[in-house]
Amino acid sequence: MKKTKTPRAARRRRHIRVRKTVSGSPQRPRLAVFRSLQHIYAQIIDDTAGHTLVSATDMESNIRSAAADKKKSDVARLVGEELAKKAKDKGITTVVLDRGGFKYHGRVKALAEGARKGGLSF
């Protein structure tokens, strides 16, 4: 018998299970990814202070203009590269990935690869 009634609740349970072990520190903040049906969001978070250090989304004007007529996974790669650029400006080079209960596949994987290409290591 299923323990959860909806896929959203199942993702939430997976995310809670992952967050028990994954935590961001000032030396190695957490790269949190959220994927909705239309958009993708990424934040770099210092969990000890409870602050978002850097964020990027596909709704930003520079990414939106570059993402015209591209697939969602290509847009996610652009978001990852933009996030890495912003992180480098703040002096962040290493992070720990929090995939948010989503599979490391498709848009989440593309965002991670874009962040690695931009210079983040995890």
PDB file of N, CA and C in Angstrom:
ATOM      1  N   MET A   1       0.828  -1.181   0.000  1.00  0.00           N
ATOM      2  CA  MET A   1       0.000   0.000   0.000  1.00  0.00           C
ATOM      3  C   MET A   1       0.876   1.250   0.000  1.00  0.00           C
ATOM      4  N   LYS A   2       0.486   2.255  -0.755  1.00  0.00           N
ATOM      5  CA  LYS A   2       1.275   3.473  -0.836  1.00  0.00           C
ATOM      6  C   LYS A   2       1.195   4.246   0.474  1.00  0.00           C
ATOM      7  N   LYS A   3       2.326   4.848   0.847  1.00  0.00           N
ATOM      8  CA  LYS A   3       2.348   5.649   2.063  1.00  0.00           C
ATOM      9  C   LYS A   3       1.916   7.081   1.806  1.00  0.00           C
ATOM     10  N   THR A   4       2.033   7.536   0.561  1.00  0.00           N
ATOM     11  CA  THR A   4       1.624   8.897   0.237  1.00  0.00           C
ATOM     12  C   THR A   4       0.545   8.866  -0.818  1.00  0.00           C
ATOM     13  N   LYS A   5      -0.303   9.874  -0.803  1.00  0.00           N
ATOM     14  CA  LYS A   5      -1.431   9.897  -1.716  1.00  0.00           C
ATOM     15  C   LYS A   5      -1.125  10.628  -3.023  1.00  0.00           C
ATOM     16  N   THR A   6      -0.139  11.529  -3.009  1.00  0.00           N
ATOM     17  CA  THR A   6       0.160  12.294  -4.208  1.00  0.00           C
ATOM     18  C   THR A   6       1.657  12.275  -4.494  1.00  0.00           C
ATOM     19  N   PRO A   7       2.041  12.474  -5.736  1.00  0.00           N
ATOM     20  CA  PRO A   7       3.467  12.567  -6.058  1.00  0.00           C
ATOM     21  C   PRO A   7       4.153  13.737  -5.345  1.00  0.00           C
ATOM     22  N   ARG A   8       3.422  14.830  -5.144  1.00  0.00           N
ATOM     23  CA  ARG A   8       3.995  15.982  -4.440  1.00  0.00           C
ATOM     24  C   ARG A   8       4.348  15.620  -3.002  1.00  0.00           C
ATOM     25  N   ALA A   9       3.476  14.876  -2.345  1.00  0.00           N
ATOM     26  CA  ALA A   9       3.748  14.446  -0.978  1.00  0.00           C
ATOM     27  C   ALA A   9       4.923  13.474  -0.934  1.00  0.00           C
ATOM     28  N   ALA A  10       5.040  12.613  -1.923  1.00  0.00           N
ATOM     29  CA  ALA A  10       6.165  11.682  -1.981  1.00  0.00           C
ATOM     30  C   ALA A  10       7.480  12.439  -2.163  1.00  0.00           C
ATOM     31  N   ARG A  11       7.478  13.463  -3.007  1.00  0.00           N
ATOM     32  CA  ARG A  11       8.688  14.276  -3.199  1.00  0.00           C
ATOM     33  C   ARG A  11       9.051  14.980  -1.906  1.00  0.00           C
ATOM     34  N   ARG A  12       8.039  15.474  -1.200  1.00  0.00           N
ATOM     35  CA  ARG A  12       8.278  16.164   0.076  1.00  0.00           C
ATOM     36  C   ARG A  12       8.911  15.217   1.094  1.00  0.00           C
ATOM     37  N   ARG A  13       8.434  13.972   1.128  1.00  0.00           N
ATOM     38  CA  ARG A  13       9.030  12.986   2.040  1.00  0.00           C
ATOM     39  C   ARG A  13      10.476  12.694   1.668  1.00  0.00           C
ATOM     40  N   ARG A  14      10.755  12.564   0.375  1.00  0.00           N
ATOM     41  CA  ARG A  14      12.142  12.333  -0.061  1.00  0.00           C
ATOM     42  C   ARG A  14      13.027  13.508   0.309  1.00  0.00           C
ATOM     43  N   HIS A  15      12.502  14.728   0.133  1.00  0.00           N
ATOM     44  CA  HIS A  15      13.280  15.917   0.446  1.00  0.00           C
ATOM     45  C   HIS A  15      13.603  15.981   1.932  1.00  0.00           C
ATOM     46  N   ILE A  16      12.647  15.684   2.773  1.00  0.00           N
ATOM     47  CA  ILE A  16      12.881  15.677   4.217  1.00  0.00           C
ATOM     48  C   ILE A  16      13.937  14.639   4.573  1.00  0.00           C
ATOM     49  N   ARG A  17      13.880  13.475   3.953  1.00  0.00           N
ATOM     50  CA  ARG A  17      14.857  12.425   4.219  1.00  0.00           C
ATOM     51  C   ARG A  17      16.262  12.854   3.815  1.00  0.00           C
ATOM     52  N   VAL A  18      16.384  13.541   2.684  1.00  0.00           N
ATOM     53  CA  VAL A  18      17.702  14.004   2.224  1.00  0.00           C
ATOM     54  C   VAL A  18      18.222  15.123   3.116  1.00  0.00           C
ATOM     55  N   ARG A  19      17.320  16.002   3.572  1.00  0.00           N
ATOM     56  CA  ARG A  19      17.743  17.154   4.379  1.00  0.00           C
ATOM     57  C   ARG A  19      18.245  16.759   5.763  1.00  0.00           C
ATOM     58  N   LYS A  20      17.982  15.516   6.185  1.00  0.00           N
ATOM     59  CA  LYS A  20      18.530  15.055   7.454  1.00  0.00           C
ATOM     60  C   LYS A  20      20.049  14.972   7.401  1.00  0.00           C
ATOM     61  N   THR A  21      20.600  14.723   6.208  1.00  0.00           N
ATOM     62  CA  THR A  21      22.046  14.574   6.078  1.00  0.00           C
ATOM     63  C   THR A  21      22.711  15.736   5.359  1.00  0.00           C
ATOM     64  N   VAL A  22      21.992  16.443   4.499  1.00  0.00           N
ATOM     65  CA  VAL A  22      22.585  17.518   3.709  1.00  0.00           C
ATOM     66  C   VAL A  22      22.311  18.853   4.394  1.00  0.00           C
ATOM     67  N   SER A  23      23.386  19.555   4.733  1.00  0.00           N
ATOM     68  CA  SER A  23      23.244  20.864   5.358  1.00  0.00           C
ATOM     69  C   SER A  23      24.342  21.776   4.845  1.00  0.00           C
ATOM     70  N   GLY A  24      24.014  23.048   4.686  1.00  0.00           N
ATOM     71  CA  GLY A  24      24.982  24.008   4.182  1.00  0.00           C
ATOM     72  C   GLY A  24      25.700  24.720   5.311  1.00  0.00           C
ATOM     73  N   SER A  25      26.965  24.956   5.120  1.00  0.00           N
ATOM     74  CA  SER A  25      27.779  25.682   6.101  1.00  0.00           C
ATOM     75  C   SER A  25      28.376  26.909   5.419  1.00  0.00           C
ATOM     76  N   PRO A  26      28.970  27.820   6.174  1.00  0.00           N
ATOM     77  CA  PRO A  26      29.598  28.977   5.513  1.00  0.00           C
ATOM     78  C   PRO A  26      30.724  28.585   4.552  1.00  0.00           C
ATOM     79  N   GLN A  27      31.449  27.494   4.870  1.00  0.00           N
ATOM     80  CA  GLN A  27      32.524  27.053   3.985  1.00  0.00           C
ATOM     81  C   GLN A  27      31.982  26.321   2.755  1.00  0.00           C
ATOM     82  N   ARG A  28      30.890  25.595   2.945  1.00  0.00           N
ATOM     83  CA  ARG A  28      30.315  24.813   1.849  1.00  0.00           C
ATOM     84  C   ARG A  28      28.789  24.918   1.906  1.00  0.00           C
ATOM     85  N   PRO A  29      28.227  25.983   1.328  1.00  0.00           N
ATOM     86  CA  PRO A  29      26.776  26.178   1.394  1.00  0.00           C
ATOM     87  C   PRO A  29      26.019  25.173   0.532  1.00  0.00           C
ATOM     88  N   ARG A  30      24.719  25.136   0.741  1.00  0.00           N
ATOM     89  CA  ARG A  30      23.842  24.165   0.070  1.00  0.00           C
ATOM     90  C   ARG A  30      23.250  24.774  -1.190  1.00  0.00           C
ATOM     91  N   LEU A  31      23.352  24.051  -2.300  1.00  0.00           N
ATOM     92  CA  LEU A  31      22.726  24.441  -3.565  1.00  0.00           C
ATOM     93  C   LEU A  31      21.388  23.732  -3.647  1.00  0.00           C
ATOM     94  N   ALA A  32      20.293  24.459  -3.383  1.00  0.00           N
ATOM     95  CA  ALA A  32      18.952  23.890  -3.373  1.00  0.00           C
ATOM     96  C   ALA A  32      18.295  24.124  -4.725  1.00  0.00           C
ATOM     97  N   VAL A  33      17.693  23.079  -5.266  1.00  0.00           N
ATOM     98  CA  VAL A  33      17.049  23.137  -6.579  1.00  0.00           C
ATOM     99  C   VAL A  33      15.564  22.861  -6.404  1.00  0.00           C
ATOM    100  N   PHE A  34      14.732  23.687  -7.048  1.00  0.00           N
ATOM    101  CA  PHE A  34      13.302  23.427  -7.106  1.00  0.00           C
ATOM    102  C   PHE A  34      12.869  23.489  -8.561  1.00  0.00           C
ATOM    103  N   ARG A  35      12.104  22.478  -8.960  1.00  0.00           N
ATOM    104  CA  ARG A  35      11.666  22.360 -10.341  1.00  0.00           C
ATOM    105  C   ARG A  35      10.144  22.314 -10.349  1.00  0.00           C
ATOM    106  N   SER A  36       9.538  23.297 -11.017  1.00  0.00           N
ATOM    107  CA  SER A  36       8.095  23.249 -11.211  1.00  0.00           C
ATOM    108  C   SER A  36       7.831  22.797 -12.642  1.00  0.00           C
ATOM    109  N   LEU A  37       6.581  22.779 -13.040  1.00  0.00           N
ATOM    110  CA  LEU A  37       6.288  22.310 -14.387  1.00  0.00           C
ATOM    111  C   LEU A  37       6.821  23.255 -15.456  1.00  0.00           C
ATOM    112  N   GLN A  38       6.784  24.567 -15.200  1.00  0.00           N
ATOM    113  CA  GLN A  38       7.248  25.524 -16.206  1.00  0.00           C
ATOM    114  C   GLN A  38       8.630  26.098 -15.918  1.00  0.00           C
ATOM    115  N   HIS A  39       9.006  26.231 -14.642  1.00  0.00           N
ATOM    116  CA  HIS A  39      10.206  26.976 -14.281  1.00  0.00           C
ATOM    117  C   HIS A  39      11.152  26.128 -13.437  1.00  0.00           C
ATOM    118  N   ILE A  40      12.371  26.670 -13.262  1.00  0.00           N
ATOM    119  CA  ILE A  40      13.356  26.040 -12.385  1.00  0.00           C
ATOM    120  C   ILE A  40      14.023  27.141 -11.574  1.00  0.00           C
ATOM    121  N   TYR A  41      14.260  26.841 -10.303  1.00  0.00           N
ATOM    122  CA  TYR A  41      14.823  27.804  -9.368  1.00  0.00           C
ATOM    123  C   TYR A  41      16.011  27.163  -8.665  1.00  0.00           C
ATOM    124  N   ALA A  42      17.023  27.959  -8.356  1.00  0.00           N
ATOM    125  CA  ALA A  42      18.180  27.459  -7.618  1.00  0.00           C
ATOM    126  C   ALA A  42      18.645  28.527  -6.647  1.00  0.00           C
ATOM    127  N   GLN A  43      19.007  28.093  -5.444  1.00  0.00           N
ATOM    128  CA  GLN A  43      19.506  29.004  -4.419  1.00  0.00           C
ATOM    129  C   GLN A  43      20.736  28.391  -3.781  1.00  0.00           C
ATOM    130  N   ILE A  44      21.663  29.237  -3.372  1.00  0.00           N
ATOM    131  CA  ILE A  44      22.787  28.805  -2.560  1.00  0.00           C
ATOM    132  C   ILE A  44      22.534  29.359  -1.169  1.00  0.00           C
ATOM    133  N   ILE A  45      22.433  28.448  -0.185  1.00  0.00           N
ATOM    134  CA  ILE A  45      21.954  28.795   1.143  1.00  0.00           C
ATOM    135  C   ILE A  45      22.991  28.430   2.196  1.00  0.00           C
ATOM    136  N   ASP A  46      23.209  29.344   3.141  1.00  0.00           N
ATOM    137  CA  ASP A  46      24.000  29.078   4.340  1.00  0.00           C
ATOM    138  C   ASP A  46      23.013  28.709   5.437  1.00  0.00           C
ATOM    139  N   ASP A  47      22.934  27.422   5.792  1.00  0.00           N
ATOM    140  CA  ASP A  47      21.938  26.962   6.752  1.00  0.00           C
ATOM    141  C   ASP A  47      22.255  27.368   8.187  1.00  0.00           C
ATOM    142  N   THR A  48      23.517  27.604   8.520  1.00  0.00           N
ATOM    143  CA  THR A  48      23.830  28.000   9.889  1.00  0.00           C
ATOM    144  C   THR A  48      23.302  29.399  10.193  1.00  0.00           C
ATOM    145  N   ALA A  49      23.376  30.307   9.212  1.00  0.00           N
ATOM    146  CA  ALA A  49      22.848  31.656   9.392  1.00  0.00           C
ATOM    147  C   ALA A  49      21.404  31.762   8.911  1.00  0.00           C
ATOM    148  N   GLY A  50      20.966  30.810   8.097  1.00  0.00           N
ATOM    149  CA  GLY A  50      19.609  30.844   7.573  1.00  0.00           C
ATOM    150  C   GLY A  50      19.409  31.887   6.492  1.00  0.00           C
ATOM    151  N   HIS A  51      20.465  32.145   5.697  1.00  0.00           N
ATOM    152  CA  HIS A  51      20.390  33.173   4.663  1.00  0.00           C
ATOM    153  C   HIS A  51      20.625  32.577   3.283  1.00  0.00           C
ATOM    154  N   THR A  52      19.904  33.132   2.310  1.00  0.00           N
ATOM    155  CA  THR A  52      20.167  32.809   0.919  1.00  0.00           C
ATOM    156  C   THR A  52      21.285  33.722   0.434  1.00  0.00           C
ATOM    157  N   LEU A  53      22.361  33.137  -0.051  1.00  0.00           N
ATOM    158  CA  LEU A  53      23.514  33.917  -0.487  1.00  0.00           C
ATOM    159  C   LEU A  53      23.374  34.333  -1.949  1.00  0.00           C
ATOM    160  N   VAL A  54      22.932  33.408  -2.800  1.00  0.00           N
ATOM    161  CA  VAL A  54      22.806  33.653  -4.230  1.00  0.00           C
ATOM    162  C   VAL A  54      21.586  32.893  -4.724  1.00  0.00           C
ATOM    163  N   SER A  55      20.875  33.467  -5.694  1.00  0.00           N
ATOM    164  CA  SER A  55      19.759  32.748  -6.290  1.00  0.00           C
ATOM    165  C   SER A  55      19.706  33.037  -7.785  1.00  0.00           C
ATOM    166  N   ALA A  56      19.093  32.110  -8.515  1.00  0.00           N
ATOM    167  CA  ALA A  56      18.904  32.285  -9.952  1.00  0.00           C
ATOM    168  C   ALA A  56      17.649  31.519 -10.361  1.00  0.00           C
ATOM    169  N   THR A  57      16.981  32.039 -11.361  1.00  0.00           N
ATOM    170  CA  THR A  57      15.792  31.394 -11.889  1.00  0.00           C
ATOM    171  C   THR A  57      15.686  31.688 -13.379  1.00  0.00           C
ATOM    172  N   ASP A  58      14.869  30.921 -14.058  1.00  0.00           N
ATOM    173  CA  ASP A  58      14.700  31.142 -15.487  1.00  0.00           C
ATOM    174  C   ASP A  58      13.786  32.321 -15.779  1.00  0.00           C
ATOM    175  N   MET A  59      13.252  32.955 -14.755  1.00  0.00           N
ATOM    176  CA  MET A  59      12.389  34.118 -14.967  1.00  0.00           C
ATOM    177  C   MET A  59      13.158  35.434 -14.951  1.00  0.00           C
ATOM    178  N   GLU A  60      14.461  35.392 -14.701  1.00  0.00           N
ATOM    179  CA  GLU A  60      15.272  36.600 -14.754  1.00  0.00           C
ATOM    180  C   GLU A  60      15.366  37.074 -16.198  1.00  0.00           C
ATOM    181  N   SER A  61      15.444  38.380 -16.376  1.00  0.00           N
ATOM    182  CA  SER A  61      15.350  38.951 -17.719  1.00  0.00           C
ATOM    183  C   SER A  61      16.493  38.507 -18.631  1.00  0.00           C
ATOM    184  N   ASN A  62      17.716  38.430 -18.109  1.00  0.00           N
ATOM    185  CA  ASN A  62      18.840  38.045 -18.975  1.00  0.00           C
ATOM    186  C   ASN A  62      18.749  36.573 -19.395  1.00  0.00           C
ATOM    187  N   ILE A  63      18.261  35.715 -18.516  1.00  0.00           N
ATOM    188  CA  ILE A  63      18.104  34.306 -18.875  1.00  0.00           C
ATOM    189  C   ILE A  63      16.898  34.120 -19.780  1.00  0.00           C
ATOM    190  N   ARG A  64      15.823  34.854 -19.504  1.00  0.00           N
ATOM    191  CA  ARG A  64      14.613  34.729 -20.316  1.00  0.00           C
ATOM    192  C   ARG A  64      14.886  35.113 -21.769  1.00  0.00           C
ATOM    193  N   SER A  65      15.687  36.177 -21.961  1.00  0.00           N
ATOM    194  CA  SER A  65      15.985  36.590 -23.335  1.00  0.00           C
ATOM    195  C   SER A  65      16.889  35.572 -24.041  1.00  0.00           C
ATOM    196  N   ALA A  66      17.818  34.964 -23.299  1.00  0.00           N
ATOM    197  CA  ALA A  66      18.709  33.969 -23.893  1.00  0.00           C
ATOM    198  C   ALA A  66      18.022  32.626 -24.088  1.00  0.00           C
ATOM    199  N   ALA A  67      16.922  32.399 -23.375  1.00  0.00           N
ATOM    200  CA  ALA A  67      16.261  31.101 -23.400  1.00  0.00           C
ATOM    201  C   ALA A  67      15.102  31.023 -24.376  1.00  0.00           C
ATOM    202  N   ALA A  68      14.931  32.016 -25.199  1.00  0.00           N
ATOM    203  CA  ALA A  68      13.811  31.990 -26.143  1.00  0.00           C
ATOM    204  C   ALA A  68      13.956  30.809 -27.100  1.00  0.00           C
ATOM    205  N   ASP A  69      12.884  30.051 -27.249  1.00  0.00           N
ATOM    206  CA  ASP A  69      12.824  28.908 -28.164  1.00  0.00           C
ATOM    207  C   ASP A  69      13.850  27.827 -27.844  1.00  0.00           C
ATOM    208  N   LYS A  70      14.141  27.592 -26.552  1.00  0.00           N
ATOM    209  CA  LYS A  70      15.031  26.508 -26.148  1.00  0.00           C
ATOM    210  C   LYS A  70      14.247  25.510 -25.308  1.00  0.00           C
ATOM    211  N   LYS A  71      14.785  24.305 -25.220  1.00  0.00           N
ATOM    212  CA  LYS A  71      14.154  23.277 -24.402  1.00  0.00           C
ATOM    213  C   LYS A  71      14.364  23.597 -22.924  1.00  0.00           C
ATOM    214  N   LYS A  72      13.524  23.017 -22.071  1.00  0.00           N
ATOM    215  CA  LYS A  72      13.599  23.286 -20.635  1.00  0.00           C
ATOM    216  C   LYS A  72      14.935  22.866 -20.046  1.00  0.00           C
ATOM    217  N   SER A  73      15.506  21.773 -20.533  1.00  0.00           N
ATOM    218  CA  SER A  73      16.797  21.331 -20.001  1.00  0.00           C
ATOM    219  C   SER A  73      17.914  22.293 -20.400  1.00  0.00           C
ATOM    220  N   ASP A  74      17.830  22.891 -21.584  1.00  0.00           N
ATOM    221  CA  ASP A  74      18.824  23.889 -21.992  1.00  0.00           C
ATOM    222  C   ASP A  74      18.694  25.152 -21.148  1.00  0.00           C
ATOM    223  N   VAL A  75      17.471  25.519 -20.824  1.00  0.00           N
ATOM    224  CA  VAL A  75      17.240  26.682 -19.969  1.00  0.00           C
ATOM    225  C   VAL A  75      17.792  26.414 -18.573  1.00  0.00           C
ATOM    226  N   ALA A  76      17.605  25.193 -18.068  1.00  0.00           N
ATOM    227  CA  ALA A  76      18.134  24.836 -16.754  1.00  0.00           C
ATOM    228  C   ALA A  76      19.656  24.930 -16.741  1.00  0.00           C
ATOM    229  N   ARG A  77      20.295  24.541 -17.834  1.00  0.00           N
ATOM    230  CA  ARG A  77      21.754  24.655 -17.921  1.00  0.00           C
ATOM    231  C   ARG A  77      22.178  26.120 -17.857  1.00  0.00           C
ATOM    232  N   LEU A  78      21.430  27.002 -18.514  1.00  0.00           N
ATOM    233  CA  LEU A  78      21.722  28.439 -18.445  1.00  0.00           C
ATOM    234  C   LEU A  78      21.566  28.967 -17.026  1.00  0.00           C
ATOM    235  N   VAL A  79      20.549  28.499 -16.315  1.00  0.00           N
ATOM    236  CA  VAL A  79      20.331  28.923 -14.924  1.00  0.00           C
ATOM    237  C   VAL A  79      21.509  28.481 -14.065  1.00  0.00           C
ATOM    238  N   GLY A  80      21.995  27.262 -14.269  1.00  0.00           N
ATOM    239  CA  GLY A  80      23.153  26.778 -13.520  1.00  0.00           C
ATOM    240  C   GLY A  80      24.405  27.603 -13.781  1.00  0.00           C
ATOM    241  N   GLU A  81      24.619  27.975 -15.032  1.00  0.00           N
ATOM    242  CA  GLU A  81      25.783  28.790 -15.363  1.00  0.00           C
ATOM    243  C   GLU A  81      25.666  30.184 -14.745  1.00  0.00           C
ATOM    244  N   GLU A  82      24.469  30.765 -14.781  1.00  0.00           N
ATOM    245  CA  GLU A  82      24.251  32.088 -14.184  1.00  0.00           C
ATOM    246  C   GLU A  82      24.449  32.040 -12.671  1.00  0.00           C
ATOM    247  N   LEU A  83      23.966  30.980 -12.038  1.00  0.00           N
ATOM    248  CA  LEU A  83      24.133  30.826 -10.595  1.00  0.00           C
ATOM    249  C   LEU A  83      25.610  30.712 -10.243  1.00  0.00           C
ATOM    250  N   ALA A  84      26.368  29.951 -11.023  1.00  0.00           N
ATOM    251  CA  ALA A  84      27.801  29.796 -10.769  1.00  0.00           C
ATOM    252  C   ALA A  84      28.528  31.120 -10.928  1.00  0.00           C
ATOM    253  N   LYS A  85      28.113  31.915 -11.916  1.00  0.00           N
ATOM    254  CA  LYS A  85      28.748  33.221 -12.121  1.00  0.00           C
ATOM    255  C   LYS A  85      28.488  34.134 -10.921  1.00  0.00           C
ATOM    256  N   LYS A  86      27.251  34.161 -10.440  1.00  0.00           N
ATOM    257  CA  LYS A  86      26.921  34.980  -9.276  1.00  0.00           C
ATOM    258  C   LYS A  86      27.655  34.497  -8.028  1.00  0.00           C
ATOM    259  N   ALA A  87      27.792  33.168  -7.898  1.00  0.00           N
ATOM    260  CA  ALA A  87      28.485  32.607  -6.740  1.00  0.00           C
ATOM    261  C   ALA A  87      29.962  32.961  -6.754  1.00  0.00           C
ATOM    262  N   LYS A  88      30.576  32.919  -7.929  1.00  0.00           N
ATOM    263  CA  LYS A  88      31.991  33.276  -8.027  1.00  0.00           C
ATOM    264  C   LYS A  88      32.214  34.743  -7.656  1.00  0.00           C
ATOM    265  N   ASP A  89      31.263  35.609  -8.028  1.00  0.00           N
ATOM    266  CA  ASP A  89      31.369  37.015  -7.651  1.00  0.00           C
ATOM    267  C   ASP A  89      31.328  37.199  -6.138  1.00  0.00           C
ATOM    268  N   LYS A  90      30.611  36.299  -5.433  1.00  0.00           N
ATOM    269  CA  LYS A  90      30.523  36.359  -3.969  1.00  0.00           C
ATOM    270  C   LYS A  90      31.637  35.570  -3.298  1.00  0.00           C
ATOM    271  N   GLY A  91      32.479  34.891  -4.071  1.00  0.00           N
ATOM    272  CA  GLY A  91      33.592  34.131  -3.510  1.00  0.00           C
ATOM    273  C   GLY A  91      33.236  32.707  -3.117  1.00  0.00           C
ATOM    274  N   ILE A  92      32.162  32.166  -3.653  1.00  0.00           N
ATOM    275  CA  ILE A  92      31.746  30.802  -3.339  1.00  0.00           C
ATOM    276  C   ILE A  92      32.228  29.886  -4.455  1.00  0.00           C
ATOM    277  N   THR A  93      32.981  28.845  -4.090  1.00  0.00           N
ATOM    278  CA  THR A  93      33.509  27.926  -5.097  1.00  0.00           C
ATOM    279  C   THR A  93      33.025  26.498  -4.898  1.00  0.00           C
ATOM    280  N   THR A  94      32.769  26.077  -3.654  1.00  0.00           N
ATOM    281  CA  THR A  94      32.311  24.717  -3.396  1.00  0.00           C
ATOM    282  C   THR A  94      30.953  24.752  -2.716  1.00  0.00           C
ATOM    283  N   VAL A  95      30.087  23.852  -3.130  1.00  0.00           N
ATOM    284  CA  VAL A  95      28.745  23.737  -2.553  1.00  0.00           C
ATOM    285  C   VAL A  95      28.415  22.260  -2.372  1.00  0.00           C
ATOM    286  N   VAL A  96      27.309  22.006  -1.676  1.00  0.00           N
ATOM    287  CA  VAL A  96      26.769  20.655  -1.571  1.00  0.00           C
ATOM    288  C   VAL A  96      25.395  20.692  -2.236  1.00  0.00           C
ATOM    289  N   LEU A  97      25.104  19.710  -3.095  1.00  0.00           N
ATOM    290  CA  LEU A  97      23.883  19.722  -3.895  1.00  0.00           C
ATOM    291  C   LEU A  97      22.717  19.144  -3.104  1.00  0.00           C
ATOM    292  N   ASP A  98      21.613  19.887  -3.086  1.00  0.00           N
ATOM    293  CA  ASP A  98      20.350  19.425  -2.524  1.00  0.00           C
ATOM    294  C   ASP A  98      19.364  19.402  -3.684  1.00  0.00           C
ATOM    295  N   ARG A  99      19.070  18.219  -4.192  1.00  0.00           N
ATOM    296  CA  ARG A  99      18.231  18.104  -5.381  1.00  0.00           C
ATOM    297  C   ARG A  99      16.752  18.245  -5.063  1.00  0.00           C
ATOM    298  N   GLY A 100      16.397  18.437  -3.801  1.00  0.00           N
ATOM    299  CA  GLY A 100      15.030  18.752  -3.413  1.00  0.00           C
ATOM    300  C   GLY A 100      14.039  17.618  -3.554  1.00  0.00           C
ATOM    301  N   GLY A 101      14.497  16.370  -3.472  1.00  0.00           N
ATOM    302  CA  GLY A 101      13.594  15.246  -3.610  1.00  0.00           C
ATOM    303  C   GLY A 101      13.328  14.847  -5.043  1.00  0.00           C
ATOM    304  N   PHE A 102      13.907  15.567  -5.991  1.00  0.00           N
ATOM    305  CA  PHE A 102      13.758  15.228  -7.409  1.00  0.00           C
ATOM    306  C   PHE A 102      14.859  14.257  -7.810  1.00  0.00           C
ATOM    307  N   LYS A 103      14.630  13.484  -8.857  1.00  0.00           N
ATOM    308  CA  LYS A 103      15.667  12.605  -9.374  1.00  0.00           C
ATOM    309  C   LYS A 103      16.784  13.434  -9.985  1.00  0.00           C
ATOM    310  N   TYR A 104      18.014  12.943  -9.885  1.00  0.00           N
ATOM    311  CA  TYR A 104      19.144  13.600 -10.539  1.00  0.00           C
ATOM    312  C   TYR A 104      19.109  13.195 -12.004  1.00  0.00           C
ATOM    313  N   HIS A 105      18.212  13.865 -12.729  1.00  0.00           N
ATOM    314  CA  HIS A 105      17.913  13.472 -14.095  1.00  0.00           C
ATOM    315  C   HIS A 105      17.245  14.654 -14.775  1.00  0.00           C
ATOM    316  N   GLY A 106      17.440  14.807 -16.059  1.00  0.00           N
ATOM    317  CA  GLY A 106      16.735  15.845 -16.803  1.00  0.00           C
ATOM    318  C   GLY A 106      17.170  17.246 -16.428  1.00  0.00           C
ATOM    319  N   ARG A 107      16.204  18.074 -16.025  1.00  0.00           N
ATOM    320  CA  ARG A 107      16.493  19.485 -15.751  1.00  0.00           C
ATOM    321  C   ARG A 107      17.373  19.677 -14.529  1.00  0.00           C
ATOM    322  N   VAL A 108      17.205  18.834 -13.500  1.00  0.00           N
ATOM    323  CA  VAL A 108      18.044  18.954 -12.306  1.00  0.00           C
ATOM    324  C   VAL A 108      19.492  18.636 -12.662  1.00  0.00           C
ATOM    325  N   LYS A 109      19.703  17.601 -13.444  1.00  0.00           N
ATOM    326  CA  LYS A 109      21.054  17.240 -13.872  1.00  0.00           C
ATOM    327  C   LYS A 109      21.649  18.322 -14.771  1.00  0.00           C
ATOM    328  N   ALA A 110      20.841  18.892 -15.650  1.00  0.00           N
ATOM    329  CA  ALA A 110      21.321  19.948 -16.539  1.00  0.00           C
ATOM    330  C   ALA A 110      21.740  21.181 -15.745  1.00  0.00           C
ATOM    331  N   LEU A 111      20.966  21.538 -14.726  1.00  0.00           N
ATOM    332  CA  LEU A 111      21.320  22.678 -13.884  1.00  0.00           C
ATOM    333  C   LEU A 111      22.646  22.408 -13.160  1.00  0.00           C
ATOM    334  N   ALA A 112      22.807  21.199 -12.635  1.00  0.00           N
ATOM    335  CA  ALA A 112      24.047  20.847 -11.935  1.00  0.00           C
ATOM    336  C   ALA A 112      25.245  20.883 -12.881  1.00  0.00           C
ATOM    337  N   GLU A 113      25.066  20.379 -14.087  1.00  0.00           N
ATOM    338  CA  GLU A 113      26.163  20.403 -15.057  1.00  0.00           C
ATOM    339  C   GLU A 113      26.503  21.825 -15.465  1.00  0.00           C
ATOM    340  N   GLY A 114      25.490  22.684 -15.604  1.00  0.00           N
ATOM    341  CA  GLY A 114      25.743  24.091 -15.909  1.00  0.00           C
ATOM    342  C   GLY A 114      26.498  24.788 -14.788  1.00  0.00           C
ATOM    343  N   ALA A 115      26.153  24.452 -13.544  1.00  0.00           N
ATOM    344  CA  ALA A 115      26.855  25.047 -12.403  1.00  0.00           C
ATOM    345  C   ALA A 115      28.311  24.580 -12.363  1.00  0.00           C
ATOM    346  N   ARG A 116      28.530  23.307 -12.676  1.00  0.00           N
ATOM    347  CA  ARG A 116      29.910  22.805 -12.725  1.00  0.00           C
ATOM    348  C   ARG A 116      30.692  23.476 -13.848  1.00  0.00           C
ATOM    349  N   LYS A 117      30.034  23.655 -14.991  1.00  0.00           N
ATOM    350  CA  LYS A 117      30.682  24.306 -16.116  1.00  0.00           C
ATOM    351  C   LYS A 117      31.030  25.743 -15.770  1.00  0.00           C
ATOM    352  N   GLY A 118      30.193  26.378 -14.969  1.00  0.00           N
ATOM    353  CA  GLY A 118      30.437  27.769 -14.554  1.00  0.00           C
ATOM    354  C   GLY A 118      31.524  27.909 -13.497  1.00  0.00           C
ATOM    355  N   GLY A 119      31.952  26.799 -12.891  1.00  0.00           N
ATOM    356  CA  GLY A 119      33.057  26.885 -11.951  1.00  0.00           C
ATOM    357  C   GLY A 119      32.761  26.406 -10.545  1.00  0.00           C
ATOM    358  N   LEU A 120      31.528  25.996 -10.241  1.00  0.00           N
ATOM    359  CA  LEU A 120      31.237  25.465  -8.908  1.00  0.00           C
ATOM    360  C   LEU A 120      31.675  24.018  -8.830  1.00  0.00           C
ATOM    361  N   SER A 121      32.132  23.592  -7.663  1.00  0.00           N
ATOM    362  CA  SER A 121      32.491  22.189  -7.490  1.00  0.00           C
ATOM    363  C   SER A 121      31.652  21.585  -6.382  1.00  0.00           C
ATOM    364  N   PHE A 122      31.133  20.401  -6.670  1.00  0.00           N
ATOM    365  CA  PHE A 122      30.366  19.631  -5.689  1.00  0.00           C
ATOM    366  C   PHE A 122      30.341  18.181  -6.089  1.00  0.00           C
TER     367      PHE A 122
END
